[in-house]
PDB file of all heavy atoms in Angstrom:
ATOM      1  N   ILE A   1      11.982 -12.089  19.398  1.00  0.00           N
ATOM      2  CA  ILE A   1      10.692 -11.354  19.416  1.00  0.00           C
ATOM      3  C   ILE A   1      10.564 -10.465  18.159  1.00  0.00           C
ATOM      4  O   ILE A   1       9.531 -10.443  17.504  1.00  0.00           O
ATOM      5  CB  ILE A   1      10.539 -10.497  20.658  1.00  0.00           C
ATOM      6  CG1 ILE A   1      10.568 -11.382  21.930  1.00  0.00           C
ATOM      7  CG2 ILE A   1       9.228  -9.671  20.613  1.00  0.00           C
ATOM      8  CD1 ILE A   1      10.552 -10.604  23.223  1.00  0.00           C
ATOM      9  N   SER A   2      11.589  -9.829  17.806  1.00  0.00           N
ATOM     10  CA  SER A   2      11.674  -9.029  16.566  1.00  0.00           C
ATOM     11  C   SER A   2      12.438  -9.873  15.510  1.00  0.00           C
ATOM     12  O   SER A   2      13.640 -10.019  15.568  1.00  0.00           O
ATOM     13  CB  SER A   2      12.390  -7.681  16.764  1.00  0.00           C
ATOM     14  OG  SER A   2      12.501  -6.979  15.585  1.00  0.00           O
ATOM     15  N   PRO A   3      11.687 -10.441  14.533  1.00  0.00           N
ATOM     16  CA  PRO A   3      12.300 -11.365  13.590  1.00  0.00           C
ATOM     17  C   PRO A   3      13.362 -10.784  12.676  1.00  0.00           C
ATOM     18  O   PRO A   3      13.174  -9.629  12.233  1.00  0.00           O
ATOM     19  CB  PRO A   3      11.102 -12.011  12.794  1.00  0.00           C
ATOM     20  CG  PRO A   3      10.068 -10.924  12.949  1.00  0.00           C
ATOM     21  CD  PRO A   3      10.226 -10.269  14.290  1.00  0.00           C
ATOM     22  N   ALA A   4      14.396 -11.517  12.431  1.00  0.00           N
ATOM     23  CA  ALA A   4      15.468 -11.055  11.529  1.00  0.00           C
ATOM     24  C   ALA A   4      14.874 -10.763  10.121  1.00  0.00           C
ATOM     25  O   ALA A   4      15.360  -9.866   9.438  1.00  0.00           O
ATOM     26  CB  ALA A   4      16.600 -12.121  11.447  1.00  0.00           C
ATOM     27  N   ALA A   5      13.884 -11.617   9.729  1.00  0.00           N
ATOM     28  CA  ALA A   5      13.306 -11.458   8.352  1.00  0.00           C
ATOM     29  C   ALA A   5      12.712 -10.061   8.215  1.00  0.00           C
ATOM     30  O   ALA A   5      12.648  -9.457   7.076  1.00  0.00           O
ATOM     31  CB  ALA A   5      12.259 -12.522   8.163  1.00  0.00           C
ATOM     32  N   ARG A   6      12.172  -9.436   9.284  1.00  0.00           N
ATOM     33  CA  ARG A   6      11.580  -8.159   9.165  1.00  0.00           C
ATOM     34  C   ARG A   6      12.590  -7.056   8.852  1.00  0.00           C
ATOM     35  O   ARG A   6      12.389  -6.223   7.997  1.00  0.00           O
ATOM     36  CB  ARG A   6      10.819  -7.788  10.487  1.00  0.00           C
ATOM     37  CG  ARG A   6      10.078  -6.473  10.507  1.00  0.00           C
ATOM     38  CD  ARG A   6       9.101  -6.428  11.610  1.00  0.00           C
ATOM     39  NE  ARG A   6       8.087  -7.491  11.408  1.00  0.00           N
ATOM     40  CZ  ARG A   6       7.377  -8.101  12.381  1.00  0.00           C
ATOM     41  NH1 ARG A   6       7.627  -7.800  13.669  1.00  0.00           N
ATOM     42  NH2 ARG A   6       6.434  -8.987  12.144  1.00  0.00           N
ATOM     43  N   LEU A   7      13.696  -7.149   9.512  1.00  0.00           N
ATOM     44  CA  LEU A   7      14.778  -6.173   9.216  1.00  0.00           C
ATOM     45  C   LEU A   7      15.439  -6.439   7.859  1.00  0.00           C
ATOM     46  O   LEU A   7      15.820  -5.479   7.211  1.00  0.00           O
ATOM     47  CB  LEU A   7      15.811  -6.211  10.371  1.00  0.00           C
ATOM     48  CG  LEU A   7      15.566  -5.399  11.617  1.00  0.00           C
ATOM     49  CD1 LEU A   7      15.555  -3.919  11.320  1.00  0.00           C
ATOM     50  CD2 LEU A   7      14.249  -5.777  12.283  1.00  0.00           C
ATOM     51  N   GLY A   8      15.461  -7.664   7.492  1.00  0.00           N
ATOM     52  CA  GLY A   8      15.955  -8.007   6.188  1.00  0.00           C
ATOM     53  C   GLY A   8      15.062  -7.415   5.112  1.00  0.00           C
ATOM     54  O   GLY A   8      15.518  -6.886   4.076  1.00  0.00           O
ATOM     55  N   ARG A   9      13.752  -7.467   5.301  1.00  0.00           N
ATOM     56  CA  ARG A   9      12.799  -6.909   4.350  1.00  0.00           C
ATOM     57  C   ARG A   9      12.966  -5.377   4.312  1.00  0.00           C
ATOM     58  O   ARG A   9      12.924  -4.766   3.225  1.00  0.00           O
ATOM     59  CB  ARG A   9      11.367  -7.229   4.814  1.00  0.00           C
ATOM     60  CG  ARG A   9      10.261  -6.495   4.086  1.00  0.00           C
ATOM     61  CD  ARG A   9       9.870  -7.067   2.763  1.00  0.00           C
ATOM     62  NE  ARG A   9       8.835  -6.288   2.105  1.00  0.00           N
ATOM     63  CZ  ARG A   9       7.541  -6.251   2.428  1.00  0.00           C
ATOM     64  NH1 ARG A   9       7.074  -6.966   3.460  1.00  0.00           N
ATOM     65  NH2 ARG A   9       6.687  -5.515   1.700  1.00  0.00           N
ATOM     66  N   LEU A  10      13.188  -4.760   5.522  1.00  0.00           N
ATOM     67  CA  LEU A  10      13.338  -3.292   5.540  1.00  0.00           C
ATOM     68  C   LEU A  10      14.613  -2.893   4.723  1.00  0.00           C
ATOM     69  O   LEU A  10      14.585  -1.921   3.978  1.00  0.00           O
ATOM     70  CB  LEU A  10      13.434  -2.851   6.980  1.00  0.00           C
ATOM     71  CG  LEU A  10      13.632  -1.364   7.166  1.00  0.00           C
ATOM     72  CD1 LEU A  10      12.410  -0.548   6.683  1.00  0.00           C
ATOM     73  CD2 LEU A  10      13.868  -1.014   8.648  1.00  0.00           C
ATOM     74  N   ALA A  11      15.697  -3.633   4.892  1.00  0.00           N
ATOM     75  CA  ALA A  11      16.911  -3.358   4.183  1.00  0.00           C
ATOM     76  C   ALA A  11      16.668  -3.502   2.682  1.00  0.00           C
ATOM     77  O   ALA A  11      17.206  -2.756   1.865  1.00  0.00           O
ATOM     78  CB  ALA A  11      18.047  -4.277   4.620  1.00  0.00           C
ATOM     79  N   HIS A  12      15.931  -4.533   2.292  1.00  0.00           N
ATOM     80  CA  HIS A  12      15.639  -4.785   0.859  1.00  0.00           C
ATOM     81  C   HIS A  12      14.788  -3.664   0.272  1.00  0.00           C
ATOM     82  O   HIS A  12      15.047  -3.195  -0.842  1.00  0.00           O
ATOM     83  CB  HIS A  12      14.914  -6.094   0.698  1.00  0.00           C
ATOM     84  CG  HIS A  12      14.420  -6.372  -0.698  1.00  0.00           C
ATOM     85  ND1 HIS A  12      15.281  -6.716  -1.727  1.00  0.00           N
ATOM     86  CD2 HIS A  12      13.169  -6.291  -1.245  1.00  0.00           C
ATOM     87  CE1 HIS A  12      14.565  -6.838  -2.867  1.00  0.00           C
ATOM     88  NE2 HIS A  12      13.273  -6.622  -2.568  1.00  0.00           N
ATOM     89  N   GLU A  13      13.803  -3.174   0.989  1.00  0.00           N
ATOM     90  CA  GLU A  13      12.871  -2.182   0.508  1.00  0.00           C
ATOM     91  C   GLU A  13      13.533  -0.811   0.443  1.00  0.00           C
ATOM     92  O   GLU A  13      13.253  -0.087  -0.536  1.00  0.00           O
ATOM     93  CB  GLU A  13      11.632  -2.137   1.391  1.00  0.00           C
ATOM     94  CG  GLU A  13      10.736  -3.419   1.426  1.00  0.00           C
ATOM     95  CD  GLU A  13       9.960  -3.487   0.090  1.00  0.00           C
ATOM     96  OE1 GLU A  13       9.968  -2.631  -0.758  1.00  0.00           O
ATOM     97  OE2 GLU A  13       9.362  -4.582  -0.148  1.00  0.00           O
ATOM     98  N   LEU A  14      14.303  -0.430   1.411  1.00  0.00           N
ATOM     99  CA  LEU A  14      14.908   0.954   1.478  1.00  0.00           C
ATOM    100  C   LEU A  14      16.318   0.999   0.924  1.00  0.00           C
ATOM    101  O   LEU A  14      16.744   2.082   0.640  1.00  0.00           O
ATOM    102  CB  LEU A  14      14.755   1.447   2.912  1.00  0.00           C
ATOM    103  CG  LEU A  14      13.395   1.594   3.488  1.00  0.00           C
ATOM    104  CD1 LEU A  14      13.442   2.345   4.819  1.00  0.00           C
ATOM    105  CD2 LEU A  14      12.356   2.235   2.609  1.00  0.00           C
ATOM    106  N   GLY A  15      17.000  -0.142   0.934  1.00  0.00           N
ATOM    107  CA  GLY A  15      18.384  -0.077   0.407  1.00  0.00           C
ATOM    108  C   GLY A  15      19.235   0.960   1.166  1.00  0.00           C
ATOM    109  O   GLY A  15      19.303   0.929   2.435  1.00  0.00           O
ATOM    110  N   PRO A  16      19.908   1.840   0.454  1.00  0.00           N
ATOM    111  CA  PRO A  16      20.726   2.805   1.133  1.00  0.00           C
ATOM    112  C   PRO A  16      19.951   3.879   1.953  1.00  0.00           C
ATOM    113  O   PRO A  16      20.551   4.692   2.611  1.00  0.00           O
ATOM    114  CB  PRO A  16      21.511   3.496  -0.049  1.00  0.00           C
ATOM    115  CG  PRO A  16      20.639   3.276  -1.226  1.00  0.00           C
ATOM    116  CD  PRO A  16      19.933   2.001  -0.959  1.00  0.00           C
ATOM    117  N   GLY A  17      18.621   3.792   1.878  1.00  0.00           N
ATOM    118  CA  GLY A  17      17.779   4.742   2.587  1.00  0.00           C
ATOM    119  C   GLY A  17      17.671   4.397   4.089  1.00  0.00           C
ATOM    120  O   GLY A  17      17.002   5.113   4.809  1.00  0.00           O
ATOM    121  N   VAL A  18      18.173   3.244   4.480  1.00  0.00           N
ATOM    122  CA  VAL A  18      18.106   2.820   5.910  1.00  0.00           C
ATOM    123  C   VAL A  18      19.516   2.433   6.411  1.00  0.00           C
ATOM    124  O   VAL A  18      20.241   1.748   5.663  1.00  0.00           O
ATOM    125  CB  VAL A  18      17.126   1.688   6.137  1.00  0.00           C
ATOM    126  CG1 VAL A  18      17.482   0.486   5.294  1.00  0.00           C
ATOM    127  CG2 VAL A  18      17.011   1.298   7.606  1.00  0.00           C
ATOM    128  N   VAL A  19      19.838   2.798   7.583  1.00  0.00           N
ATOM    129  CA  VAL A  19      21.065   2.371   8.247  1.00  0.00           C
ATOM    130  C   VAL A  19      20.730   1.260   9.235  1.00  0.00           C
ATOM    131  O   VAL A  19      19.916   1.520  10.149  1.00  0.00           O
ATOM    132  CB  VAL A  19      21.790   3.543   8.957  1.00  0.00           C
ATOM    133  CG1 VAL A  19      23.050   3.009   9.714  1.00  0.00           C
ATOM    134  CG2 VAL A  19      22.169   4.601   7.933  1.00  0.00           C
ATOM    135  N   MET A  20      21.289   0.051   9.031  1.00  0.00           N
ATOM    136  CA  MET A  20      21.038  -1.065   9.929  1.00  0.00           C
ATOM    137  C   MET A  20      22.084  -1.101  11.006  1.00  0.00           C
ATOM    138  O   MET A  20      23.288  -1.025  10.706  1.00  0.00           O
ATOM    139  CB  MET A  20      20.985  -2.338   9.156  1.00  0.00           C
ATOM    140  CG  MET A  20      20.144  -2.282   7.923  1.00  0.00           C
ATOM    141  SD  MET A  20      18.374  -1.983   8.180  1.00  0.00           S
ATOM    142  CE  MET A  20      17.928  -3.539   9.003  1.00  0.00           C
ATOM    143  N   THR A  21      21.668  -1.242  12.280  1.00  0.00           N
ATOM    144  CA  THR A  21      22.644  -1.403  13.376  1.00  0.00           C
ATOM    145  C   THR A  21      22.376  -2.683  14.108  1.00  0.00           C
ATOM    146  O   THR A  21      21.566  -2.712  15.074  1.00  0.00           O
ATOM    147  CB  THR A  21      22.526  -0.193  14.333  1.00  0.00           C
ATOM    148  OG1 THR A  21      22.720   1.069  13.604  1.00  0.00           O
ATOM    149  CG2 THR A  21      23.578  -0.308  15.427  1.00  0.00           C
ATOM    150  N   PRO A  22      23.028  -3.774  13.705  1.00  0.00           N
ATOM    151  CA  PRO A  22      22.873  -5.028  14.447  1.00  0.00           C
ATOM    152  C   PRO A  22      23.746  -5.024  15.757  1.00  0.00           C
ATOM    153  O   PRO A  22      24.848  -4.489  15.725  1.00  0.00           O
ATOM    154  CB  PRO A  22      23.373  -6.100  13.431  1.00  0.00           C
ATOM    155  CG  PRO A  22      24.379  -5.333  12.585  1.00  0.00           C
ATOM    156  CD  PRO A  22      23.846  -3.889  12.535  1.00  0.00           C
ATOM    157  N   VAL A  23      23.199  -5.537  16.783  1.00  0.00           N
ATOM    158  CA  VAL A  23      23.928  -5.562  18.078  1.00  0.00           C
ATOM    159  C   VAL A  23      23.995  -7.026  18.558  1.00  0.00           C
ATOM    160  O   VAL A  23      22.981  -7.741  18.506  1.00  0.00           O
ATOM    161  CB  VAL A  23      23.115  -4.694  19.154  1.00  0.00           C
ATOM    162  CG1 VAL A  23      23.862  -4.758  20.461  1.00  0.00           C
ATOM    163  CG2 VAL A  23      22.980  -3.301  18.708  1.00  0.00           C
ATOM    164  N   LEU A  24      25.165  -7.436  18.888  1.00  0.00           N
ATOM    165  CA  LEU A  24      25.410  -8.786  19.300  1.00  0.00           C
ATOM    166  C   LEU A  24      24.620  -9.112  20.572  1.00  0.00           C
ATOM    167  O   LEU A  24      24.621  -8.300  21.539  1.00  0.00           O
ATOM    168  CB  LEU A  24      26.921  -9.093  19.529  1.00  0.00           C
ATOM    169  CG  LEU A  24      27.807  -9.033  18.271  1.00  0.00           C
ATOM    170  CD1 LEU A  24      29.214  -9.264  18.642  1.00  0.00           C
ATOM    171  CD2 LEU A  24      27.349 -10.031  17.255  1.00  0.00           C
ATOM    172  N   GLY A  25      23.958 -10.278  20.659  1.00  0.00           N
ATOM    173  CA  GLY A  25      23.287 -10.683  21.852  1.00  0.00           C
ATOM    174  C   GLY A  25      21.931 -11.327  21.538  1.00  0.00           C
ATOM    175  O   GLY A  25      21.419 -11.260  20.429  1.00  0.00           O
ATOM    176  N   ARG A  26      21.354 -11.961  22.550  1.00  0.00           N
ATOM    177  CA  ARG A  26      20.088 -12.669  22.461  1.00  0.00           C
ATOM    178  C   ARG A  26      18.980 -11.925  23.184  1.00  0.00           C
ATOM    179  O   ARG A  26      17.881 -12.405  23.367  1.00  0.00           O
ATOM    180  CB  ARG A  26      20.206 -14.115  23.020  1.00  0.00           C
ATOM    181  CG  ARG A  26      19.045 -15.017  22.773  1.00  0.00           C
ATOM    182  CD  ARG A  26      19.227 -16.411  23.374  1.00  0.00           C
ATOM    183  NE  ARG A  26      20.241 -17.126  22.689  1.00  0.00           N
ATOM    184  CZ  ARG A  26      19.987 -17.898  21.642  1.00  0.00           C
ATOM    185  NH1 ARG A  26      18.684 -18.008  21.247  1.00  0.00           N
ATOM    186  NH2 ARG A  26      20.894 -18.603  21.078  1.00  0.00           N
ATOM    187  N   ARG A  27      19.215 -10.697  23.537  1.00  0.00           N
ATOM    188  CA  ARG A  27      18.274  -9.924  24.285  1.00  0.00           C
ATOM    189  C   ARG A  27      17.285  -9.218  23.268  1.00  0.00           C
ATOM    190  O   ARG A  27      17.323  -9.490  22.078  1.00  0.00           O
ATOM    191  CB  ARG A  27      18.940  -8.918  25.154  1.00  0.00           C
ATOM    192  CG  ARG A  27      19.793  -9.514  26.257  1.00  0.00           C
ATOM    193  CD  ARG A  27      20.621  -8.490  27.019  1.00  0.00           C
ATOM    194  NE  ARG A  27      19.816  -7.500  27.607  1.00  0.00           N
ATOM    195  CZ  ARG A  27      19.145  -7.668  28.781  1.00  0.00           C
ATOM    196  NH1 ARG A  27      19.238  -8.787  29.417  1.00  0.00           N
ATOM    197  NH2 ARG A  27      18.442  -6.687  29.314  1.00  0.00           N
ATOM    198  N   HIS A  28      16.405  -8.317  23.794  1.00  0.00           N
ATOM    199  CA  HIS A  28      15.410  -7.708  22.919  1.00  0.00           C
ATOM    200  C   HIS A  28      15.519  -6.192  22.865  1.00  0.00           C
ATOM    201  O   HIS A  28      15.482  -5.616  21.850  1.00  0.00           O
ATOM    202  CB  HIS A  28      14.007  -8.123  23.423  1.00  0.00           C
ATOM    203  CG  HIS A  28      12.891  -7.479  22.628  1.00  0.00           C
ATOM    204  ND1 HIS A  28      12.741  -7.593  21.270  1.00  0.00           N
ATOM    205  CD2 HIS A  28      11.835  -6.738  23.043  1.00  0.00           C
ATOM    206  CE1 HIS A  28      11.665  -6.909  20.891  1.00  0.00           C
ATOM    207  NE2 HIS A  28      11.145  -6.364  21.942  1.00  0.00           N
ATOM    208  N   SER A  29      15.640  -5.553  24.031  1.00  0.00           N
ATOM    209  CA  SER A  29      15.449  -4.108  24.125  1.00  0.00           C
ATOM    210  C   SER A  29      16.786  -3.345  23.968  1.00  0.00           C
ATOM    211  O   SER A  29      17.406  -3.049  25.022  1.00  0.00           O
ATOM    212  CB  SER A  29      14.775  -3.707  25.434  1.00  0.00           C
ATOM    213  OG  SER A  29      13.497  -4.470  25.535  1.00  0.00           O
ATOM    214  N   VAL A  30      17.176  -3.113  22.794  1.00  0.00           N
ATOM    215  CA  VAL A  30      18.514  -2.458  22.590  1.00  0.00           C
ATOM    216  C   VAL A  30      18.638  -1.151  23.194  1.00  0.00           C
ATOM    217  O   VAL A  30      19.538  -0.856  23.971  1.00  0.00           O
ATOM    218  CB  VAL A  30      18.814  -2.387  21.057  1.00  0.00           C
ATOM    219  CG1 VAL A  30      20.144  -1.682  20.843  1.00  0.00           C
ATOM    220  CG2 VAL A  30      18.855  -3.790  20.397  1.00  0.00           C
ATOM    221  N   LEU A  31      17.683  -0.226  22.881  1.00  0.00           N
ATOM    222  CA  LEU A  31      17.873   1.123  23.298  1.00  0.00           C
ATOM    223  C   LEU A  31      17.678   1.289  24.776  1.00  0.00           C
ATOM    224  O   LEU A  31      18.396   2.136  25.411  1.00  0.00           O
ATOM    225  CB  LEU A  31      16.886   2.058  22.542  1.00  0.00           C
ATOM    226  CG  LEU A  31      17.076   2.015  21.019  1.00  0.00           C
ATOM    227  CD1 LEU A  31      16.092   2.973  20.339  1.00  0.00           C
ATOM    228  CD2 LEU A  31      18.472   2.412  20.650  1.00  0.00           C
ATOM    229  N   THR A  32      16.774   0.609  25.415  1.00  0.00           N
ATOM    230  CA  THR A  32      16.563   0.695  26.838  1.00  0.00           C
ATOM    231  C   THR A  32      17.782   0.053  27.593  1.00  0.00           C
ATOM    232  O   THR A  32      18.179   0.533  28.623  1.00  0.00           O
ATOM    233  CB  THR A  32      15.231   0.124  27.307  1.00  0.00           C
ATOM    234  OG1 THR A  32      15.183  -1.265  26.860  1.00  0.00           O
ATOM    235  CG2 THR A  32      14.085   0.960  26.850  1.00  0.00           C
ATOM    236  N   ASP A  33      18.314  -1.002  26.991  1.00  0.00           N
ATOM    237  CA  ASP A  33      19.549  -1.589  27.553  1.00  0.00           C
ATOM    238  C   ASP A  33      20.711  -0.572  27.487  1.00  0.00           C
ATOM    239  O   ASP A  33      21.433  -0.359  28.414  1.00  0.00           O
ATOM    240  CB  ASP A  33      19.982  -2.827  26.772  1.00  0.00           C
ATOM    241  CG  ASP A  33      19.154  -4.110  27.234  1.00  0.00           C
ATOM    242  OD1 ASP A  33      18.439  -4.024  28.208  1.00  0.00           O
ATOM    243  OD2 ASP A  33      19.332  -5.117  26.490  1.00  0.00           O
TER     244      ASP A  33
END
């Protein structure tokens, strides 16, 4: 539902200004889980 390309673009645009936290799994709602 949330495409990987979107987070890839965010990492490209902000570089060290963003911390990416990938979580293993095929689910969607990380924080509510």
